[in-house]
Amino acid sequence: MSRTLLFLASAALLASPATADVREVGSRLEFFSPHASWAVAIPRDDWAIVQRKSRRDGTGFYYLVASRSHSLQFSIYLDRTAQCASGAACRALFWSNPGPMFRDAQDVRQYERNGFHVLQFYLDGVGGIPIMQTNLSAHTYRDGYWIDIRITKVGEQVPDPAPMIEFLDSISVQ
């Protein structure tokens, strides 16, 4: 899908009625579970919701969000789980079986930043397409929920992770 079509689809989704697990509050966009007292907040900027999914029982939510001005994609999973009970354990669980897309991850780095346990890596091709993709996979755990954030940037060369890290620093769990 071309960038133009992606952002047109995003705009159409934003025009649709909001669901109970995302809301705009001032200059922030908040993702939350109706069963939790906290929300994950990002600066509103020009983020557009591209895809959203939720479990019928309200225990899991997924959003894919894109920003033209940041040239980033951001996804967030809020997953009520007992599979892990800390950011470090959730990151380890993710990385123990990250799926075939991340099998050839390169320059893998693990660190903590802004309350998240982060995996930083790049891919030199995605699905047989020769594009470079830098990824941050950030994990934390709060009140029974695994908060799994993925920030992605693509380019002809390996994208610089600095704008991705800057965006990660702007995320709060409040």
N, C-alpha and C. Protein backbone atom coordinates (compact mmCIF):
# COMPACT_ATOMS: atom_id res chain seq x y z
N MET A 1 0.86 -1.17 0.00
CA MET A 1 0.00 0.00 0.00
C MET A 1 0.90 1.23 0.00
N SER A 2 0.63 2.15 -0.84
CA SER A 2 1.47 3.35 -0.92
C SER A 2 1.25 4.22 0.32
N ARG A 3 2.20 5.11 0.57
CA ARG A 3 2.08 6.00 1.73
C ARG A 3 0.81 6.84 1.66
N THR A 4 0.48 7.33 0.46
CA THR A 4 -0.71 8.16 0.32
C THR A 4 -1.96 7.38 0.68
N LEU A 5 -2.08 6.15 0.16
CA LEU A 5 -3.25 5.34 0.48
C LEU A 5 -3.29 4.98 1.95
N LEU A 6 -2.12 4.71 2.55
CA LEU A 6 -2.06 4.40 3.96
C LEU A 6 -2.61 5.55 4.80
N PHE A 7 -2.21 6.78 4.47
CA PHE A 7 -2.66 7.91 5.26
C PHE A 7 -4.11 8.30 4.95
N LEU A 8 -4.59 8.04 3.74
CA LEU A 8 -6.01 8.25 3.46
C LEU A 8 -6.86 7.27 4.26
N ALA A 9 -6.42 6.02 4.31
CA ALA A 9 -7.13 5.03 5.11
C ALA A 9 -7.10 5.42 6.59
N SER A 10 -5.97 5.94 7.04
CA SER A 10 -5.84 6.38 8.42
C SER A 10 -6.82 7.49 8.75
N ALA A 11 -6.93 8.46 7.86
CA ALA A 11 -7.84 9.58 8.08
C ALA A 11 -9.28 9.10 8.16
N ALA A 12 -9.63 8.16 7.31
CA ALA A 12 -10.99 7.61 7.33
C ALA A 12 -11.27 6.92 8.66
N LEU A 13 -10.30 6.19 9.18
CA LEU A 13 -10.49 5.53 10.46
C LEU A 13 -10.61 6.52 11.60
N LEU A 14 -9.86 7.61 11.53
CA LEU A 14 -9.97 8.61 12.58
C LEU A 14 -11.33 9.29 12.58
N ALA A 15 -11.93 9.38 11.42
CA ALA A 15 -13.24 10.01 11.33
C ALA A 15 -14.35 9.12 11.89
N SER A 16 -14.06 7.82 12.06
CA SER A 16 -15.07 6.91 12.59
C SER A 16 -15.19 7.12 14.10
N PRO A 17 -16.31 6.67 14.69
CA PRO A 17 -16.49 6.86 16.11
C PRO A 17 -15.39 6.17 16.92
N ALA A 18 -14.97 6.78 18.00
CA ALA A 18 -13.94 6.20 18.84
C ALA A 18 -14.49 5.01 19.61
N THR A 19 -13.62 4.05 19.88
CA THR A 19 -14.02 2.92 20.72
C THR A 19 -13.72 3.26 22.16
N ALA A 20 -14.09 2.37 23.04
CA ALA A 20 -13.95 2.64 24.47
C ALA A 20 -12.51 2.54 24.97
N ASP A 21 -11.56 2.15 24.12
CA ASP A 21 -10.21 1.94 24.61
C ASP A 21 -9.17 2.90 24.03
N VAL A 22 -9.61 3.98 23.40
CA VAL A 22 -8.72 5.05 22.96
C VAL A 22 -9.49 6.36 23.07
N ARG A 23 -8.78 7.40 23.49
CA ARG A 23 -9.45 8.70 23.63
C ARG A 23 -8.42 9.81 23.47
N GLU A 24 -8.91 10.97 23.04
CA GLU A 24 -8.08 12.17 22.99
C GLU A 24 -8.32 12.96 24.27
N VAL A 25 -7.24 13.33 24.93
CA VAL A 25 -7.32 14.14 26.15
C VAL A 25 -6.34 15.28 25.97
N GLY A 26 -6.86 16.46 25.69
CA GLY A 26 -5.99 17.61 25.43
C GLY A 26 -5.08 17.34 24.25
N SER A 27 -3.80 17.44 24.47
CA SER A 27 -2.84 17.22 23.39
C SER A 27 -2.27 15.80 23.39
N ARG A 28 -2.95 14.89 24.07
CA ARG A 28 -2.49 13.51 24.20
C ARG A 28 -3.52 12.55 23.60
N LEU A 29 -3.03 11.44 23.11
CA LEU A 29 -3.87 10.33 22.67
C LEU A 29 -3.62 9.22 23.68
N GLU A 30 -4.69 8.68 24.30
CA GLU A 30 -4.55 7.69 25.35
C GLU A 30 -5.16 6.36 24.93
N PHE A 31 -4.40 5.30 25.20
CA PHE A 31 -4.84 3.93 24.96
C PHE A 31 -5.03 3.29 26.33
N PHE A 32 -6.15 2.59 26.55
CA PHE A 32 -6.43 2.09 27.89
C PHE A 32 -7.35 0.88 27.84
N SER A 33 -7.41 0.18 28.93
CA SER A 33 -8.39 -0.87 29.13
C SER A 33 -9.45 -0.32 30.06
N PRO A 34 -10.72 -0.57 29.77
CA PRO A 34 -11.76 -0.11 30.69
C PRO A 34 -11.65 -0.78 32.06
N HIS A 35 -10.83 -1.83 32.15
CA HIS A 35 -10.67 -2.57 33.41
C HIS A 35 -9.45 -2.10 34.20
N ALA A 36 -8.74 -1.08 33.72
CA ALA A 36 -7.54 -0.58 34.39
C ALA A 36 -7.71 0.89 34.74
N SER A 37 -6.97 1.34 35.75
CA SER A 37 -7.07 2.74 36.19
C SER A 37 -6.03 3.64 35.53
N TRP A 38 -5.26 3.16 34.59
CA TRP A 38 -4.19 3.89 33.94
C TRP A 38 -4.38 3.86 32.43
N ALA A 39 -3.61 4.68 31.73
CA ALA A 39 -3.63 4.72 30.27
C ALA A 39 -2.20 4.93 29.77
N VAL A 40 -1.95 4.48 28.55
CA VAL A 40 -0.68 4.75 27.88
C VAL A 40 -0.94 5.96 26.99
N ALA A 41 -0.17 7.03 27.21
CA ALA A 41 -0.42 8.29 26.51
C ALA A 41 0.76 8.64 25.61
N ILE A 42 0.41 9.17 24.41
CA ILE A 42 1.40 9.68 23.46
C ILE A 42 0.98 11.09 23.07
N PRO A 43 1.92 11.93 22.62
CA PRO A 43 1.53 13.24 22.10
C PRO A 43 0.60 13.04 20.89
N ARG A 44 -0.44 13.82 20.78
CA ARG A 44 -1.44 13.66 19.72
C ARG A 44 -0.84 13.86 18.34
N ASP A 45 -0.08 14.91 18.14
CA ASP A 45 0.55 15.20 16.85
C ASP A 45 -0.37 14.80 15.69
N ASP A 46 0.19 14.15 14.67
CA ASP A 46 -0.61 13.73 13.52
C ASP A 46 -0.78 12.21 13.47
N TRP A 47 -0.72 11.55 14.62
CA TRP A 47 -0.87 10.11 14.65
C TRP A 47 -2.27 9.72 14.18
N ALA A 48 -2.32 8.76 13.27
CA ALA A 48 -3.59 8.29 12.72
C ALA A 48 -3.71 6.79 12.96
N ILE A 49 -4.85 6.37 13.45
CA ILE A 49 -5.08 4.95 13.71
C ILE A 49 -5.33 4.25 12.38
N VAL A 50 -4.48 3.26 12.08
CA VAL A 50 -4.56 2.52 10.83
C VAL A 50 -5.33 1.22 11.03
N GLN A 51 -5.15 0.61 12.20
CA GLN A 51 -5.82 -0.66 12.47
C GLN A 51 -6.09 -0.76 13.96
N ARG A 52 -7.21 -1.39 14.31
CA ARG A 52 -7.53 -1.62 15.72
C ARG A 52 -8.22 -2.96 15.86
N LYS A 53 -7.87 -3.65 16.93
CA LYS A 53 -8.48 -4.94 17.24
C LYS A 53 -8.65 -5.02 18.75
N SER A 54 -9.65 -5.76 19.18
CA SER A 54 -9.80 -6.01 20.61
C SER A 54 -10.46 -7.37 20.81
N ARG A 55 -10.15 -7.96 21.95
CA ARG A 55 -10.80 -9.22 22.31
C ARG A 55 -12.21 -8.90 22.78
N ARG A 56 -13.10 -9.79 22.51
CA ARG A 56 -14.51 -9.59 22.91
C ARG A 56 -14.67 -9.40 24.41
N ASP A 57 -13.81 -10.07 25.19
CA ASP A 57 -13.95 -9.98 26.65
C ASP A 57 -13.28 -8.74 27.24
N GLY A 58 -12.67 -7.89 26.39
CA GLY A 58 -12.08 -6.65 26.85
C GLY A 58 -10.75 -6.79 27.56
N THR A 59 -10.08 -7.94 27.41
CA THR A 59 -8.81 -8.16 28.09
C THR A 59 -7.60 -7.89 27.21
N GLY A 60 -7.80 -7.57 25.95
CA GLY A 60 -6.68 -7.31 25.06
C GLY A 60 -7.04 -6.32 23.98
N PHE A 61 -6.11 -5.41 23.69
CA PHE A 61 -6.33 -4.37 22.69
C PHE A 61 -5.07 -4.22 21.85
N TYR A 62 -5.25 -3.94 20.58
CA TYR A 62 -4.13 -3.72 19.66
C TYR A 62 -4.46 -2.53 18.78
N TYR A 63 -3.48 -1.65 18.60
CA TYR A 63 -3.62 -0.53 17.69
C TYR A 63 -2.36 -0.42 16.85
N LEU A 64 -2.53 -0.12 15.57
CA LEU A 64 -1.43 0.26 14.69
C LEU A 64 -1.68 1.70 14.33
N VAL A 65 -0.68 2.55 14.56
CA VAL A 65 -0.83 3.99 14.41
C VAL A 65 0.35 4.50 13.56
N ALA A 66 0.10 5.45 12.67
CA ALA A 66 1.15 5.97 11.79
C ALA A 66 1.19 7.49 11.87
N SER A 67 2.38 8.04 11.63
CA SER A 67 2.56 9.49 11.62
C SER A 67 3.34 9.88 10.38
N ARG A 68 2.76 10.75 9.59
CA ARG A 68 3.45 11.25 8.40
C ARG A 68 4.61 12.16 8.80
N SER A 69 4.39 13.05 9.76
CA SER A 69 5.45 14.01 10.13
C SER A 69 6.64 13.32 10.79
N HIS A 70 6.40 12.23 11.50
CA HIS A 70 7.49 11.50 12.16
C HIS A 70 8.05 10.39 11.27
N SER A 71 7.34 10.04 10.19
CA SER A 71 7.71 8.92 9.32
C SER A 71 7.91 7.64 10.12
N LEU A 72 7.00 7.41 11.08
CA LEU A 72 7.07 6.24 11.95
C LEU A 72 5.75 5.51 11.95
N GLN A 73 5.83 4.22 12.28
CA GLN A 73 4.65 3.44 12.64
C GLN A 73 4.85 3.01 14.08
N PHE A 74 3.74 2.94 14.79
CA PHE A 74 3.74 2.62 16.21
C PHE A 74 2.61 1.64 16.43
N SER A 75 2.88 0.54 17.12
CA SER A 75 1.80 -0.35 17.50
C SER A 75 1.85 -0.55 19.00
N ILE A 76 0.69 -0.79 19.57
CA ILE A 76 0.59 -1.01 21.00
C ILE A 76 -0.36 -2.17 21.25
N TYR A 77 0.09 -3.08 22.09
CA TYR A 77 -0.75 -4.17 22.59
C TYR A 77 -0.91 -3.94 24.08
N LEU A 78 -2.12 -3.97 24.55
CA LEU A 78 -2.42 -4.02 25.98
C LEU A 78 -3.03 -5.39 26.20
N ASP A 79 -2.32 -6.26 26.87
CA ASP A 79 -2.73 -7.66 26.96
C ASP A 79 -2.77 -8.11 28.42
N ARG A 80 -3.96 -8.42 28.90
CA ARG A 80 -4.09 -8.94 30.26
C ARG A 80 -3.54 -10.36 30.24
N THR A 81 -2.49 -10.61 31.02
CA THR A 81 -1.82 -11.90 30.95
C THR A 81 -1.15 -12.25 32.27
N ALA A 82 -0.94 -13.54 32.47
CA ALA A 82 -0.16 -14.04 33.59
C ALA A 82 1.12 -14.69 33.07
N GLN A 83 1.40 -14.55 31.77
CA GLN A 83 2.58 -15.17 31.17
C GLN A 83 3.88 -14.49 31.60
N CYS A 84 3.80 -13.23 31.97
CA CYS A 84 4.97 -12.50 32.47
C CYS A 84 4.46 -11.50 33.50
N ALA A 85 5.37 -11.06 34.39
CA ALA A 85 4.93 -10.16 35.45
C ALA A 85 5.87 -8.98 35.66
N SER A 86 6.70 -8.70 34.66
CA SER A 86 7.58 -7.53 34.72
C SER A 86 7.96 -7.17 33.29
N GLY A 87 8.43 -5.95 33.09
CA GLY A 87 8.86 -5.55 31.76
C GLY A 87 9.97 -6.42 31.24
N ALA A 88 10.94 -6.75 32.11
CA ALA A 88 12.07 -7.59 31.70
C ALA A 88 11.58 -8.99 31.31
N ALA A 89 10.66 -9.55 32.09
CA ALA A 89 10.15 -10.89 31.79
C ALA A 89 9.31 -10.88 30.50
N CYS A 90 8.54 -9.83 30.28
CA CYS A 90 7.73 -9.74 29.06
C CYS A 90 8.63 -9.59 27.83
N ARG A 91 9.68 -8.77 27.94
CA ARG A 91 10.63 -8.62 26.83
C ARG A 91 11.28 -9.97 26.53
N ALA A 92 11.70 -10.68 27.56
CA ALA A 92 12.33 -11.99 27.37
C ALA A 92 11.36 -12.98 26.73
N LEU A 93 10.11 -12.94 27.16
CA LEU A 93 9.10 -13.83 26.57
C LEU A 93 8.90 -13.52 25.09
N PHE A 94 8.79 -12.23 24.75
CA PHE A 94 8.67 -11.84 23.35
C PHE A 94 9.88 -12.32 22.55
N TRP A 95 11.07 -12.07 23.06
CA TRP A 95 12.29 -12.36 22.29
C TRP A 95 12.58 -13.86 22.21
N SER A 96 11.99 -14.66 23.09
CA SER A 96 12.19 -16.11 23.04
C SER A 96 11.52 -16.72 21.81
N ASN A 97 10.53 -16.05 21.26
CA ASN A 97 9.85 -16.52 20.06
C ASN A 97 9.23 -15.32 19.33
N PRO A 98 10.07 -14.47 18.71
CA PRO A 98 9.55 -13.24 18.12
C PRO A 98 8.82 -13.42 16.79
N GLY A 99 8.82 -14.62 16.27
CA GLY A 99 8.14 -14.87 14.99
C GLY A 99 9.11 -14.79 13.83
N PRO A 100 8.69 -15.30 12.68
CA PRO A 100 9.59 -15.38 11.53
C PRO A 100 10.02 -14.02 10.97
N MET A 101 9.23 -13.00 11.15
CA MET A 101 9.58 -11.69 10.61
C MET A 101 10.88 -11.15 11.22
N PHE A 102 11.12 -11.46 12.50
CA PHE A 102 12.28 -10.92 13.19
C PHE A 102 13.42 -11.94 13.31
N ARG A 103 13.30 -13.06 12.63
CA ARG A 103 14.29 -14.14 12.71
C ARG A 103 15.70 -13.65 12.35
N ASP A 104 15.81 -12.77 11.38
CA ASP A 104 17.12 -12.30 10.92
C ASP A 104 17.47 -10.92 11.47
N ALA A 105 17.00 -10.61 12.66
CA ALA A 105 17.30 -9.32 13.28
C ALA A 105 18.80 -9.13 13.43
N GLN A 106 19.24 -7.89 13.17
CA GLN A 106 20.66 -7.58 13.24
C GLN A 106 20.90 -6.45 14.24
N ASP A 107 22.13 -6.40 14.76
CA ASP A 107 22.55 -5.37 15.70
C ASP A 107 21.55 -5.24 16.86
N VAL A 108 21.23 -6.38 17.48
CA VAL A 108 20.25 -6.43 18.56
C VAL A 108 20.86 -5.84 19.83
N ARG A 109 20.14 -4.90 20.41
CA ARG A 109 20.57 -4.26 21.66
C ARG A 109 19.42 -4.31 22.65
N GLN A 110 19.73 -4.56 23.90
CA GLN A 110 18.73 -4.56 24.96
C GLN A 110 19.12 -3.49 25.98
N TYR A 111 18.12 -2.70 26.39
CA TYR A 111 18.37 -1.67 27.39
C TYR A 111 17.05 -1.25 28.02
N GLU A 112 17.13 -0.43 29.04
CA GLU A 112 15.95 0.14 29.68
C GLU A 112 15.89 1.61 29.35
N ARG A 113 14.66 2.09 29.10
CA ARG A 113 14.48 3.50 28.76
C ARG A 113 13.05 3.91 29.09
N ASN A 114 12.89 4.98 29.81
CA ASN A 114 11.59 5.57 30.11
C ASN A 114 10.61 4.55 30.73
N GLY A 115 11.11 3.65 31.56
CA GLY A 115 10.26 2.67 32.21
C GLY A 115 9.97 1.43 31.37
N PHE A 116 10.57 1.33 30.20
CA PHE A 116 10.37 0.19 29.30
C PHE A 116 11.65 -0.62 29.18
N HIS A 117 11.48 -1.91 28.98
CA HIS A 117 12.58 -2.82 28.66
C HIS A 117 12.57 -2.98 27.15
N VAL A 118 13.63 -2.51 26.50
CA VAL A 118 13.64 -2.29 25.06
C VAL A 118 14.56 -3.29 24.35
N LEU A 119 14.12 -3.74 23.18
CA LEU A 119 14.94 -4.42 22.20
C LEU A 119 15.04 -3.48 21.01
N GLN A 120 16.24 -3.20 20.57
CA GLN A 120 16.45 -2.36 19.39
C GLN A 120 17.18 -3.21 18.36
N PHE A 121 16.70 -3.22 17.12
CA PHE A 121 17.33 -4.02 16.08
C PHE A 121 16.90 -3.51 14.72
N TYR A 122 17.57 -4.01 13.68
CA TYR A 122 17.14 -3.66 12.34
C TYR A 122 17.05 -4.91 11.48
N LEU A 123 16.28 -4.80 10.43
CA LEU A 123 16.11 -5.85 9.43
C LEU A 123 16.56 -5.29 8.10
N ASP A 124 17.27 -6.10 7.30
CA ASP A 124 17.71 -5.59 6.00
C ASP A 124 16.82 -6.07 4.86
N GLY A 125 15.66 -6.53 5.19
CA GLY A 125 14.66 -6.92 4.22
C GLY A 125 13.44 -7.42 4.97
N VAL A 126 12.27 -7.14 4.45
CA VAL A 126 11.03 -7.55 5.10
C VAL A 126 10.17 -8.25 4.06
N GLY A 127 9.88 -9.52 4.31
CA GLY A 127 9.04 -10.27 3.38
C GLY A 127 9.61 -10.35 1.98
N GLY A 128 10.93 -10.43 1.87
CA GLY A 128 11.57 -10.50 0.56
C GLY A 128 11.73 -9.16 -0.13
N ILE A 129 11.27 -8.09 0.50
CA ILE A 129 11.39 -6.75 -0.08
C ILE A 129 12.66 -6.12 0.48
N PRO A 130 13.56 -5.64 -0.38
CA PRO A 130 14.85 -5.11 0.10
C PRO A 130 14.76 -3.69 0.67
N ILE A 131 14.03 -3.55 1.75
CA ILE A 131 13.98 -2.27 2.46
C ILE A 131 14.57 -2.47 3.85
N MET A 132 15.15 -1.45 4.37
CA MET A 132 15.72 -1.50 5.72
C MET A 132 14.64 -1.07 6.71
N GLN A 133 14.65 -1.70 7.87
CA GLN A 133 13.65 -1.40 8.89
C GLN A 133 14.32 -1.42 10.25
N THR A 134 14.25 -0.30 10.96
CA THR A 134 14.73 -0.24 12.34
C THR A 134 13.51 -0.38 13.25
N ASN A 135 13.69 -1.16 14.32
CA ASN A 135 12.59 -1.45 15.25
C ASN A 135 13.01 -1.22 16.69
N LEU A 136 12.09 -0.68 17.47
CA LEU A 136 12.19 -0.69 18.92
C LEU A 136 11.01 -1.51 19.40
N SER A 137 11.26 -2.51 20.21
CA SER A 137 10.22 -3.31 20.82
C SER A 137 10.33 -3.06 22.32
N ALA A 138 9.38 -2.32 22.89
CA ALA A 138 9.46 -1.86 24.28
C ALA A 138 8.37 -2.52 25.11
N HIS A 139 8.74 -3.00 26.30
CA HIS A 139 7.83 -3.79 27.13
C HIS A 139 7.83 -3.28 28.56
N THR A 140 6.64 -3.23 29.13
CA THR A 140 6.49 -2.98 30.55
C THR A 140 5.26 -3.76 31.02
N TYR A 141 5.05 -3.79 32.31
CA TYR A 141 3.95 -4.57 32.89
C TYR A 141 3.29 -3.73 33.97
N ARG A 142 1.96 -3.70 33.94
CA ARG A 142 1.25 -2.88 34.93
C ARG A 142 -0.08 -3.53 35.28
N ASP A 143 -0.29 -3.81 36.54
CA ASP A 143 -1.57 -4.31 37.07
C ASP A 143 -2.14 -5.47 36.25
N GLY A 144 -1.30 -6.43 35.91
CA GLY A 144 -1.77 -7.60 35.17
C GLY A 144 -1.76 -7.46 33.67
N TYR A 145 -1.32 -6.30 33.15
CA TYR A 145 -1.28 -6.06 31.70
C TYR A 145 0.15 -5.97 31.20
N TRP A 146 0.41 -6.70 30.15
CA TRP A 146 1.66 -6.59 29.39
C TRP A 146 1.44 -5.46 28.39
N ILE A 147 2.23 -4.42 28.50
CA ILE A 147 2.19 -3.30 27.57
C ILE A 147 3.35 -3.49 26.60
N ASP A 148 3.02 -3.76 25.36
CA ASP A 148 3.99 -4.12 24.31
C ASP A 148 3.89 -3.05 23.23
N ILE A 149 4.96 -2.28 23.08
CA ILE A 149 4.98 -1.19 22.11
C ILE A 149 6.03 -1.49 21.05
N ARG A 150 5.68 -1.30 19.79
CA ARG A 150 6.61 -1.49 18.69
C ARG A 150 6.66 -0.20 17.90
N ILE A 151 7.86 0.33 17.70
CA ILE A 151 8.06 1.54 16.91
C ILE A 151 8.94 1.15 15.73
N THR A 152 8.49 1.49 14.52
CA THR A 152 9.16 1.04 13.30
C THR A 152 9.38 2.21 12.35
N LYS A 153 10.54 2.18 11.71
CA LYS A 153 10.86 3.16 10.67
C LYS A 153 11.54 2.41 9.53
N VAL A 154 11.13 2.71 8.30
CA VAL A 154 11.71 2.04 7.13
C VAL A 154 12.45 3.06 6.27
N GLY A 155 13.39 2.54 5.46
CA GLY A 155 14.14 3.40 4.55
C GLY A 155 15.00 2.59 3.61
N GLU A 156 15.64 3.28 2.71
CA GLU A 156 16.55 2.61 1.78
C GLU A 156 17.85 2.24 2.48
N GLN A 157 18.23 3.01 3.51
CA GLN A 157 19.37 2.71 4.37
C GLN A 157 18.80 2.40 5.76
N VAL A 158 19.62 1.86 6.64
CA VAL A 158 19.15 1.57 7.99
C VAL A 158 18.74 2.88 8.65
N PRO A 159 17.46 3.03 9.01
CA PRO A 159 17.01 4.28 9.63
C PRO A 159 17.67 4.50 11.00
N ASP A 160 17.97 5.75 11.26
CA ASP A 160 18.53 6.17 12.53
C ASP A 160 17.48 5.95 13.63
N PRO A 161 17.84 5.28 14.72
CA PRO A 161 16.85 5.05 15.78
C PRO A 161 16.57 6.27 16.65
N ALA A 162 17.35 7.34 16.52
CA ALA A 162 17.20 8.51 17.41
C ALA A 162 15.76 9.06 17.45
N PRO A 163 15.06 9.26 16.30
CA PRO A 163 13.69 9.78 16.41
C PRO A 163 12.74 8.77 17.06
N MET A 164 13.05 7.51 16.93
CA MET A 164 12.23 6.47 17.55
C MET A 164 12.40 6.50 19.07
N ILE A 165 13.65 6.66 19.50
CA ILE A 165 13.94 6.75 20.93
C ILE A 165 13.32 8.01 21.52
N GLU A 166 13.38 9.11 20.76
CA GLU A 166 12.74 10.36 21.20
C GLU A 166 11.24 10.15 21.38
N PHE A 167 10.61 9.45 20.44
CA PHE A 167 9.18 9.17 20.58
C PHE A 167 8.93 8.27 21.79
N LEU A 168 9.75 7.24 21.99
CA LEU A 168 9.59 6.37 23.15
C LEU A 168 9.66 7.18 24.44
N ASP A 169 10.56 8.15 24.49
CA ASP A 169 10.68 9.01 25.67
C ASP A 169 9.43 9.86 25.92
N SER A 170 8.62 10.07 24.88
CA SER A 170 7.41 10.89 25.03
C SER A 170 6.20 10.08 25.50
N ILE A 171 6.34 8.76 25.56
CA ILE A 171 5.23 7.89 25.98
C ILE A 171 5.19 7.82 27.50
N SER A 172 3.98 7.90 28.04
CA SER A 172 3.84 7.77 29.49
C SER A 172 2.73 6.76 29.81
N VAL A 173 2.89 6.11 30.94
CA VAL A 173 1.85 5.25 31.50
C VAL A 173 1.40 5.95 32.76
N GLN A 174 0.16 6.46 32.71
CA GLN A 174 -0.31 7.29 33.83
C GLN A 174 -1.70 6.90 34.26
